[in-house]
Amino acid sequence: MKKSNRISQHHYLQQALPAGCWAQVNRNKNNSLKRLLKRYQKKIDTAFAAMAIGLMFLTGIWVFLIQLAEFGVHS
């Protein structure tokens, strides 16, 4: 009696190739982005907060320069 090892649902391929040739399926590839986000969440939040503060600072400078230019035109 022949013993068959089933690795996948397509058992007909098992007859053509021995079981050692099959690579294991890594199901964590889809979750790699989630893992990275969870791992670096604190650094990502810090970077976004720093960018928001920087943009507010640059916007304030821009508004100040526009008001200064308008004041110079009216004088």
Protein backbone atom coordinates (compact mmCIF):
# COMPACT_ATOMS: atom_id res chain seq x y z
CA MET A 1 0.00 0.00 0.00
CA LYS A 2 1.33 3.38 -1.01
CA LYS A 3 1.39 6.10 1.62
CA SER A 4 0.77 9.64 0.37
CA ASN A 5 1.73 12.83 2.19
CA ARG A 6 -0.68 15.70 1.67
CA ILE A 7 0.82 19.17 1.96
CA SER A 8 -1.73 21.03 -0.12
CA GLN A 9 -5.19 20.39 -1.52
CA HIS A 10 -3.67 19.58 -4.91
CA HIS A 11 -2.43 16.10 -4.09
CA TYR A 12 -1.86 15.18 -7.75
CA LEU A 13 1.32 17.27 -7.71
CA GLN A 14 2.64 15.14 -4.86
CA GLN A 15 3.10 12.24 -7.22
CA ALA A 16 5.34 14.26 -9.55
CA LEU A 17 7.57 15.87 -6.89
CA PRO A 18 8.78 14.46 -3.59
CA ALA A 19 7.57 16.10 -0.39
CA GLY A 20 11.00 17.63 0.36
CA CYS A 21 10.81 19.89 -2.71
CA TRP A 22 7.80 21.83 -1.47
CA ALA A 23 8.54 25.14 0.21
CA GLN A 24 6.57 25.96 3.31
CA VAL A 25 3.93 28.61 2.87
CA ASN A 26 4.60 31.71 4.93
CA ARG A 27 1.21 33.12 5.81
CA ASN A 28 2.74 36.01 7.75
CA LYS A 29 3.72 37.91 4.58
CA ASN A 30 0.33 39.62 4.50
CA ASN A 31 0.70 40.66 8.13
CA SER A 32 4.19 42.14 7.76
CA LEU A 33 2.86 45.69 7.34
CA LYS A 34 0.65 45.31 10.41
CA ARG A 35 3.62 43.99 12.39
CA LEU A 36 5.79 46.93 11.32
CA LEU A 37 3.08 49.43 12.21
CA LYS A 38 2.59 47.85 15.61
CA ARG A 39 6.32 47.66 16.25
CA TYR A 40 7.11 51.27 15.31
CA GLN A 41 3.79 52.88 16.31
CA LYS A 42 5.37 55.17 18.91
CA LYS A 43 8.03 56.40 16.49
CA ILE A 44 5.45 56.94 13.75
CA ASP A 45 3.22 58.93 16.11
CA THR A 46 6.19 61.03 17.23
CA ALA A 47 7.17 61.74 13.62
CA PHE A 48 3.62 62.79 12.71
CA ALA A 49 3.40 65.03 15.77
CA ALA A 50 6.76 66.64 14.90
CA MET A 51 5.63 67.20 11.31
CA ALA A 52 2.36 68.77 12.49
CA ILE A 53 4.19 71.11 14.87
CA GLY A 54 6.70 72.01 12.15
CA LEU A 55 3.95 72.75 9.63
CA MET A 56 2.12 74.96 12.15
CA PHE A 57 5.36 76.82 12.82
CA LEU A 58 6.04 77.35 9.10
CA THR A 59 2.44 78.41 8.54
CA GLY A 60 2.78 80.97 11.32
CA ILE A 61 5.94 82.37 9.77
CA TRP A 62 4.25 82.51 6.37
CA VAL A 63 1.22 84.35 7.75
CA PHE A 64 3.48 86.76 9.61
CA LEU A 65 5.45 87.53 6.45
CA ILE A 66 2.26 88.09 4.45
CA GLN A 67 0.91 90.47 7.11
CA LEU A 68 4.27 92.25 7.26
CA ALA A 69 4.24 92.67 3.47
CA GLU A 70 0.67 94.01 3.53
CA PHE A 71 1.59 96.44 6.30
CA GLY A 72 4.54 97.66 4.22
CA VAL A 73 2.33 98.24 1.18
CA HIS A 74 -0.21 100.34 3.14
CA SER A 75 2.41 102.54 4.81
